């Protein structure tokens, strides 16, 4: 699963809009949208950290769930 697919799934599971997640994390809504739609294949380490924190999941769990690490 791509990071963006995982992010969208987790964001929707928590009933967060892209705008709400952007406000919570400081990551732009357009960047979040680009990840979720696949226009951007992977986030920067900074963005991945902020986004994982913003939805309350440790970064290593997010990376494991997206098959980036095992």
PDB file of N, CA and C in Angstrom:
ATOM      1  N   UNK A   1       0.844  -1.178   0.000  1.00  0.00           N
ATOM      2  CA  UNK A   1       0.000   0.000   0.000  1.00  0.00           C
ATOM      3  C   UNK A   1       0.890   1.242   0.000  1.00  0.00           C
ATOM      4  N   UNK A   2       0.566   2.205  -0.853  1.00  0.00           N
ATOM      5  CA  UNK A   2       1.307   3.465  -0.877  1.00  0.00           C
ATOM      6  C   UNK A   2       1.014   4.270   0.389  1.00  0.00           C
ATOM      7  N   UNK A   3       1.955   5.137   0.740  1.00  0.00           N
ATOM      8  CA  UNK A   3       1.777   5.980   1.918  1.00  0.00           C
ATOM      9  C   UNK A   3       0.499   6.813   1.789  1.00  0.00           C
ATOM     10  N   UNK A   4       0.250   7.363   0.607  1.00  0.00           N
ATOM     11  CA  UNK A   4      -0.936   8.193   0.402  1.00  0.00           C
ATOM     12  C   UNK A   4      -2.233   7.427   0.582  1.00  0.00           C
ATOM     13  N   UNK A   5      -2.270   6.187   0.127  1.00  0.00           N
ATOM     14  CA  UNK A   5      -3.461   5.344   0.324  1.00  0.00           C
ATOM     15  C   UNK A   5      -3.678   5.090   1.809  1.00  0.00           C
ATOM     16  N   UNK A   6      -2.591   4.771   2.490  1.00  0.00           N
ATOM     17  CA  UNK A   6      -2.663   4.531   3.932  1.00  0.00           C
ATOM     18  C   UNK A   6      -3.135   5.782   4.655  1.00  0.00           C
ATOM     19  N   UNK A   7      -2.572   6.933   4.280  1.00  0.00           N
ATOM     20  CA  UNK A   7      -2.924   8.186   4.925  1.00  0.00           C
ATOM     21  C   UNK A   7      -4.413   8.478   4.760  1.00  0.00           C
ATOM     22  N   UNK A   8      -4.921   8.334   3.560  1.00  0.00           N
ATOM     23  CA  UNK A   8      -6.339   8.592   3.308  1.00  0.00           C
ATOM     24  C   UNK A   8      -7.216   7.659   4.131  1.00  0.00           C
ATOM     25  N   UNK A   9      -6.852   6.387   4.175  1.00  0.00           N
ATOM     26  CA  UNK A   9      -7.610   5.410   4.949  1.00  0.00           C
ATOM     27  C   UNK A   9      -7.646   5.791   6.427  1.00  0.00           C
ATOM     28  N   UNK A  10      -6.494   6.118   6.983  1.00  0.00           N
ATOM     29  CA  UNK A  10      -6.425   6.476   8.401  1.00  0.00           C
ATOM     30  C   UNK A  10      -7.150   7.801   8.675  1.00  0.00           C
ATOM     31  N   UNK A  11      -6.975   8.762   7.780  1.00  0.00           N
ATOM     32  CA  UNK A  11      -7.640  10.063   7.946  1.00  0.00           C
ATOM     33  C   UNK A  11      -9.157   9.885   7.942  1.00  0.00           C
ATOM     34  N   UNK A  12      -9.674   9.127   7.011  1.00  0.00           N
ATOM     35  CA  UNK A  12     -11.114   8.909   6.932  1.00  0.00           C
ATOM     36  C   UNK A  12     -11.620   8.088   8.106  1.00  0.00           C
ATOM     37  N   UNK A  13     -10.814   7.147   8.565  1.00  0.00           N
ATOM     38  CA  UNK A  13     -11.203   6.338   9.728  1.00  0.00           C
ATOM     39  C   UNK A  13     -11.421   7.217  10.952  1.00  0.00           C
ATOM     40  N   UNK A  14     -10.645   8.290  11.032  1.00  0.00           N
ATOM     41  CA  UNK A  14     -10.761   9.219  12.151  1.00  0.00           C
ATOM     42  C   UNK A  14     -11.711  10.382  11.855  1.00  0.00           C
ATOM     43  N   UNK A  15     -12.389  10.311  10.729  1.00  0.00           N
ATOM     44  CA  UNK A  15     -13.361  11.333  10.331  1.00  0.00           C
ATOM     45  C   UNK A  15     -12.734  12.719  10.241  1.00  0.00           C
ATOM     46  N   UNK A  16     -11.523  12.765   9.698  1.00  0.00           N
ATOM     47  CA  UNK A  16     -10.827  14.040   9.495  1.00  0.00           C
ATOM     48  C   UNK A  16     -10.896  14.434   8.025  1.00  0.00           C
ATOM     49  N   UNK A  17     -11.098  15.696   7.756  1.00  0.00           N
ATOM     50  CA  UNK A  17     -10.984  16.191   6.388  1.00  0.00           C
ATOM     51  C   UNK A  17      -9.511  16.464   6.098  1.00  0.00           C
ATOM     52  N   UNK A  18      -9.205  16.628   4.819  1.00  0.00           N
ATOM     53  CA  UNK A  18      -7.847  16.999   4.452  1.00  0.00           C
ATOM     54  C   UNK A  18      -7.469  18.342   5.056  1.00  0.00           C
ATOM     55  N   UNK A  19      -8.428  19.256   5.090  1.00  0.00           N
ATOM     56  CA  UNK A  19      -8.177  20.583   5.664  1.00  0.00           C
ATOM     57  C   UNK A  19      -7.899  20.495   7.163  1.00  0.00           C
ATOM     58  N   UNK A  20      -8.649  19.658   7.862  1.00  0.00           N
ATOM     59  CA  UNK A  20      -8.436  19.499   9.305  1.00  0.00           C
ATOM     60  C   UNK A  20      -7.066  18.898   9.589  1.00  0.00           C
ATOM     61  N   UNK A  21      -6.682  17.905   8.796  1.00  0.00           N
ATOM     62  CA  UNK A  21      -5.361  17.302   8.981  1.00  0.00           C
ATOM     63  C   UNK A  21      -4.264  18.308   8.664  1.00  0.00           C
ATOM     64  N   UNK A  22      -4.476  19.118   7.653  1.00  0.00           N
ATOM     65  CA  UNK A  22      -3.498  20.158   7.310  1.00  0.00           C
ATOM     66  C   UNK A  22      -3.325  21.142   8.464  1.00  0.00           C
ATOM     67  N   UNK A  23      -4.422  21.574   9.046  1.00  0.00           N
ATOM     68  CA  UNK A  23      -4.338  22.500  10.190  1.00  0.00           C
ATOM     69  C   UNK A  23      -3.639  21.856  11.376  1.00  0.00           C
ATOM     70  N   UNK A  24      -3.933  20.597  11.604  1.00  0.00           N
ATOM     71  CA  UNK A  24      -3.367  19.875  12.749  1.00  0.00           C
ATOM     72  C   UNK A  24      -1.866  19.652  12.595  1.00  0.00           C
ATOM     73  N   UNK A  25      -1.395  19.487  11.355  1.00  0.00           N
ATOM     74  CA  UNK A  25      -0.008  19.079  11.130  1.00  0.00           C
ATOM     75  C   UNK A  25       0.910  20.167  10.583  1.00  0.00           C
ATOM     76  N   UNK A  26       0.325  21.198   9.970  1.00  0.00           N
ATOM     77  CA  UNK A  26       1.144  22.214   9.319  1.00  0.00           C
ATOM     78  C   UNK A  26       1.592  21.803   7.924  1.00  0.00           C
ATOM     79  N   UNK A  27       1.100  20.664   7.441  1.00  0.00           N
ATOM     80  CA  UNK A  27       1.381  20.198   6.083  1.00  0.00           C
ATOM     81  C   UNK A  27       0.239  20.709   5.208  1.00  0.00           C
ATOM     82  N   UNK A  28       0.557  21.267   4.059  1.00  0.00           N
ATOM     83  CA  UNK A  28      -0.490  21.885   3.236  1.00  0.00           C
ATOM     84  C   UNK A  28      -1.511  20.859   2.749  1.00  0.00           C
ATOM     85  N   UNK A  29      -2.735  21.347   2.587  1.00  0.00           N
ATOM     86  CA  UNK A  29      -3.803  20.489   2.102  1.00  0.00           C
ATOM     87  C   UNK A  29      -3.492  19.985   0.696  1.00  0.00           C
ATOM     88  N   UNK A  30      -2.855  20.816  -0.121  1.00  0.00           N
ATOM     89  CA  UNK A  30      -2.521  20.384  -1.484  1.00  0.00           C
ATOM     90  C   UNK A  30      -1.475  19.264  -1.466  1.00  0.00           C
ATOM     91  N   UNK A  31      -0.542  19.306  -0.525  1.00  0.00           N
ATOM     92  CA  UNK A  31       0.466  18.253  -0.390  1.00  0.00           C
ATOM     93  C   UNK A  31      -0.206  16.950   0.035  1.00  0.00           C
ATOM     94  N   UNK A  32      -1.107  17.034   1.004  1.00  0.00           N
ATOM     95  CA  UNK A  32      -1.846  15.861   1.472  1.00  0.00           C
ATOM     96  C   UNK A  32      -2.644  15.260   0.319  1.00  0.00           C
ATOM     97  N   UNK A  33      -3.326  16.107  -0.430  1.00  0.00           N
ATOM     98  CA  UNK A  33      -4.110  15.649  -1.576  1.00  0.00           C
ATOM     99  C   UNK A  33      -3.230  14.969  -2.621  1.00  0.00           C
ATOM    100  N   UNK A  34      -2.061  15.543  -2.884  1.00  0.00           N
ATOM    101  CA  UNK A  34      -1.139  14.955  -3.862  1.00  0.00           C
ATOM    102  C   UNK A  34      -0.681  13.570  -3.423  1.00  0.00           C
ATOM    103  N   UNK A  35      -0.453  13.379  -2.136  1.00  0.00           N
ATOM    104  CA  UNK A  35      -0.079  12.057  -1.629  1.00  0.00           C
ATOM    105  C   UNK A  35      -1.238  11.078  -1.783  1.00  0.00           C
ATOM    106  N   UNK A  36      -2.422  11.522  -1.392  1.00  0.00           N
ATOM    107  CA  UNK A  36      -3.579  10.628  -1.395  1.00  0.00           C
ATOM    108  C   UNK A  36      -4.019  10.223  -2.795  1.00  0.00           C
ATOM    109  N   UNK A  37      -3.837  11.099  -3.771  1.00  0.00           N
ATOM    110  CA  UNK A  37      -4.250  10.786  -5.138  1.00  0.00           C
ATOM    111  C   UNK A  37      -3.154  10.095  -5.948  1.00  0.00           C
ATOM    112  N   UNK A  38      -1.954  10.056  -5.403  1.00  0.00           N
ATOM    113  CA  UNK A  38      -0.847   9.427  -6.106  1.00  0.00           C
ATOM    114  C   UNK A  38      -0.065  10.379  -6.993  1.00  0.00           C
ATOM    115  N   UNK A  39      -0.440  11.668  -7.000  1.00  0.00           N
ATOM    116  CA  UNK A  39       0.315  12.646  -7.783  1.00  0.00           C
ATOM    117  C   UNK A  39       1.732  12.795  -7.224  1.00  0.00           C
ATOM    118  N   UNK A  40       1.873  12.543  -5.939  1.00  0.00           N
ATOM    119  CA  UNK A  40       3.192  12.502  -5.287  1.00  0.00           C
ATOM    120  C   UNK A  40       3.326  11.105  -4.705  1.00  0.00           C
ATOM    121  N   UNK A  41       4.394  10.412  -5.065  1.00  0.00           N
ATOM    122  CA  UNK A  41       4.495   9.001  -4.687  1.00  0.00           C
ATOM    123  C   UNK A  41       4.843   8.772  -3.222  1.00  0.00           C
ATOM    124  N   UNK A  42       5.675   9.622  -2.652  1.00  0.00           N
ATOM    125  CA  UNK A  42       6.047   9.428  -1.256  1.00  0.00           C
ATOM    126  C   UNK A  42       6.323  10.778  -0.602  1.00  0.00           C
ATOM    127  N   UNK A  43       6.120  10.835   0.705  1.00  0.00           N
ATOM    128  CA  UNK A  43       6.339  12.088   1.421  1.00  0.00           C
ATOM    129  C   UNK A  43       7.804  12.273   1.805  1.00  0.00           C
ATOM    130  N   UNK A  44       8.144  13.497   2.128  1.00  0.00           N
ATOM    131  CA  UNK A  44       9.451  13.733   2.738  1.00  0.00           C
ATOM    132  C   UNK A  44       9.409  13.159   4.145  1.00  0.00           C
ATOM    133  N   UNK A  45      10.567  12.954   4.739  1.00  0.00           N
ATOM    134  CA  UNK A  45      10.611  12.452   6.111  1.00  0.00           C
ATOM    135  C   UNK A  45       9.904  13.413   7.056  1.00  0.00           C
ATOM    136  N   UNK A  46      10.109  14.715   6.854  1.00  0.00           N
ATOM    137  CA  UNK A  46       9.453  15.723   7.691  1.00  0.00           C
ATOM    138  C   UNK A  46       7.933  15.587   7.589  1.00  0.00           C
ATOM    139  N   UNK A  47       7.414  15.523   6.365  1.00  0.00           N
ATOM    140  CA  UNK A  47       5.966  15.441   6.171  1.00  0.00           C
ATOM    141  C   UNK A  47       5.415  14.131   6.730  1.00  0.00           C
ATOM    142  N   UNK A  48       6.110  13.029   6.495  1.00  0.00           N
ATOM    143  CA  UNK A  48       5.649  11.739   7.007  1.00  0.00           C
ATOM    144  C   UNK A  48       5.557  11.759   8.525  1.00  0.00           C
ATOM    145  N   UNK A  49       6.545  12.360   9.167  1.00  0.00           N
ATOM    146  CA  UNK A  49       6.546  12.464  10.624  1.00  0.00           C
ATOM    147  C   UNK A  49       5.374  13.301  11.105  1.00  0.00           C
ATOM    148  N   UNK A  50       5.181  14.471  10.508  1.00  0.00           N
ATOM    149  CA  UNK A  50       4.080  15.365  10.897  1.00  0.00           C
ATOM    150  C   UNK A  50       2.719  14.697  10.678  1.00  0.00           C
ATOM    151  N   UNK A  51       2.556  14.037   9.532  1.00  0.00           N
ATOM    152  CA  UNK A  51       1.269  13.416   9.215  1.00  0.00           C
ATOM    153  C   UNK A  51       0.969  12.240  10.139  1.00  0.00           C
ATOM    154  N   UNK A  52       1.954  11.403  10.396  1.00  0.00           N
ATOM    155  CA  UNK A  52       1.748  10.280  11.315  1.00  0.00           C
ATOM    156  C   UNK A  52       1.397  10.806  12.711  1.00  0.00           C
ATOM    157  N   UNK A  53       2.131  11.807  13.174  1.00  0.00           N
ATOM    158  CA  UNK A  53       1.826  12.405  14.480  1.00  0.00           C
ATOM    159  C   UNK A  53       0.427  13.002  14.491  1.00  0.00           C
ATOM    160  N   UNK A  54       0.047  13.630  13.387  1.00  0.00           N
ATOM    161  CA  UNK A  54      -1.249  14.297  13.301  1.00  0.00           C
ATOM    162  C   UNK A  54      -2.427  13.357  13.393  1.00  0.00           C
ATOM    163  N   UNK A  55      -2.231  12.115  12.996  1.00  0.00           N
ATOM    164  CA  UNK A  55      -3.321  11.148  13.131  1.00  0.00           C
ATOM    165  C   UNK A  55      -3.087  10.193  14.298  1.00  0.00           C
ATOM    166  N   UNK A  56      -2.057  10.500  15.091  1.00  0.00           N
ATOM    167  CA  UNK A  56      -1.828   9.770  16.333  1.00  0.00           C
ATOM    168  C   UNK A  56      -1.209   8.398  16.168  1.00  0.00           C
ATOM    169  N   UNK A  57      -0.403   8.236  15.133  1.00  0.00           N
ATOM    170  CA  UNK A  57       0.251   6.949  14.896  1.00  0.00           C
ATOM    171  C   UNK A  57       1.756   7.177  14.808  1.00  0.00           C
ATOM    172  N   UNK A  58       2.515   6.313  15.432  1.00  0.00           N
ATOM    173  CA  UNK A  58       3.975   6.433  15.381  1.00  0.00           C
ATOM    174  C   UNK A  58       4.450   6.257  13.937  1.00  0.00           C
ATOM    175  N   UNK A  59       5.481   7.002  13.571  1.00  0.00           N
ATOM    176  CA  UNK A  59       5.991   6.954  12.205  1.00  0.00           C
ATOM    177  C   UNK A  59       6.406   5.551  11.799  1.00  0.00           C
ATOM    178  N   UNK A  60       7.051   4.802  12.678  1.00  0.00           N
ATOM    179  CA  UNK A  60       7.499   3.463  12.301  1.00  0.00           C
ATOM    180  C   UNK A  60       6.319   2.565  11.977  1.00  0.00           C
ATOM    181  N   UNK A  61       5.179   2.770  12.640  1.00  0.00           N
ATOM    182  CA  UNK A  61       3.981   1.977  12.342  1.00  0.00           C
ATOM    183  C   UNK A  61       3.461   2.345  10.953  1.00  0.00           C
ATOM    184  N   UNK A  62       3.440   3.635  10.655  1.00  0.00           N
ATOM    185  CA  UNK A  62       3.001   4.088   9.331  1.00  0.00           C
ATOM    186  C   UNK A  62       3.892   3.509   8.243  1.00  0.00           C
ATOM    187  N   UNK A  63       5.190   3.525   8.462  1.00  0.00           N
ATOM    188  CA  UNK A  63       6.124   2.997   7.459  1.00  0.00           C
ATOM    189  C   UNK A  63       5.979   1.490   7.313  1.00  0.00           C
ATOM    190  N   UNK A  64       5.785   0.799   8.421  1.00  0.00           N
ATOM    191  CA  UNK A  64       5.566  -0.654   8.369  1.00  0.00           C
ATOM    192  C   UNK A  64       4.270  -0.981   7.625  1.00  0.00           C
ATOM    193  N   UNK A  65       3.207  -0.233   7.921  1.00  0.00           N
ATOM    194  CA  UNK A  65       1.915  -0.484   7.298  1.00  0.00           C
ATOM    195  C   UNK A  65       1.920  -0.188   5.812  1.00  0.00           C
ATOM    196  N   UNK A  66       2.823   0.671   5.383  1.00  0.00           N
ATOM    197  CA  UNK A  66       2.888   0.997   3.959  1.00  0.00           C
ATOM    198  C   UNK A  66       3.979   0.207   3.248  1.00  0.00           C
ATOM    199  N   UNK A  67       4.487  -0.805   3.914  1.00  0.00           N
ATOM    200  CA  UNK A  67       5.476  -1.730   3.344  1.00  0.00           C
ATOM    201  C   UNK A  67       6.783  -1.039   2.951  1.00  0.00           C
ATOM    202  N   UNK A  68       7.065   0.100   3.577  1.00  0.00           N
ATOM    203  CA  UNK A  68       8.334   0.768   3.323  1.00  0.00           C
ATOM    204  C   UNK A  68       9.431   0.090   4.148  1.00  0.00           C
ATOM    205  N   UNK A  69       9.073  -0.349   5.359  1.00  0.00           N
ATOM    206  CA  UNK A  69      10.003  -1.138   6.168  1.00  0.00           C
ATOM    207  C   UNK A  69       9.267  -2.373   6.670  1.00  0.00           C
ATOM    208  N   UNK A  70      10.015  -3.377   7.063  1.00  0.00           N
ATOM    209  CA  UNK A  70       9.403  -4.605   7.582  1.00  0.00           C
ATOM    210  C   UNK A  70       9.666  -4.750   9.055  1.00  0.00           C
TER     211      UNK A  70
END
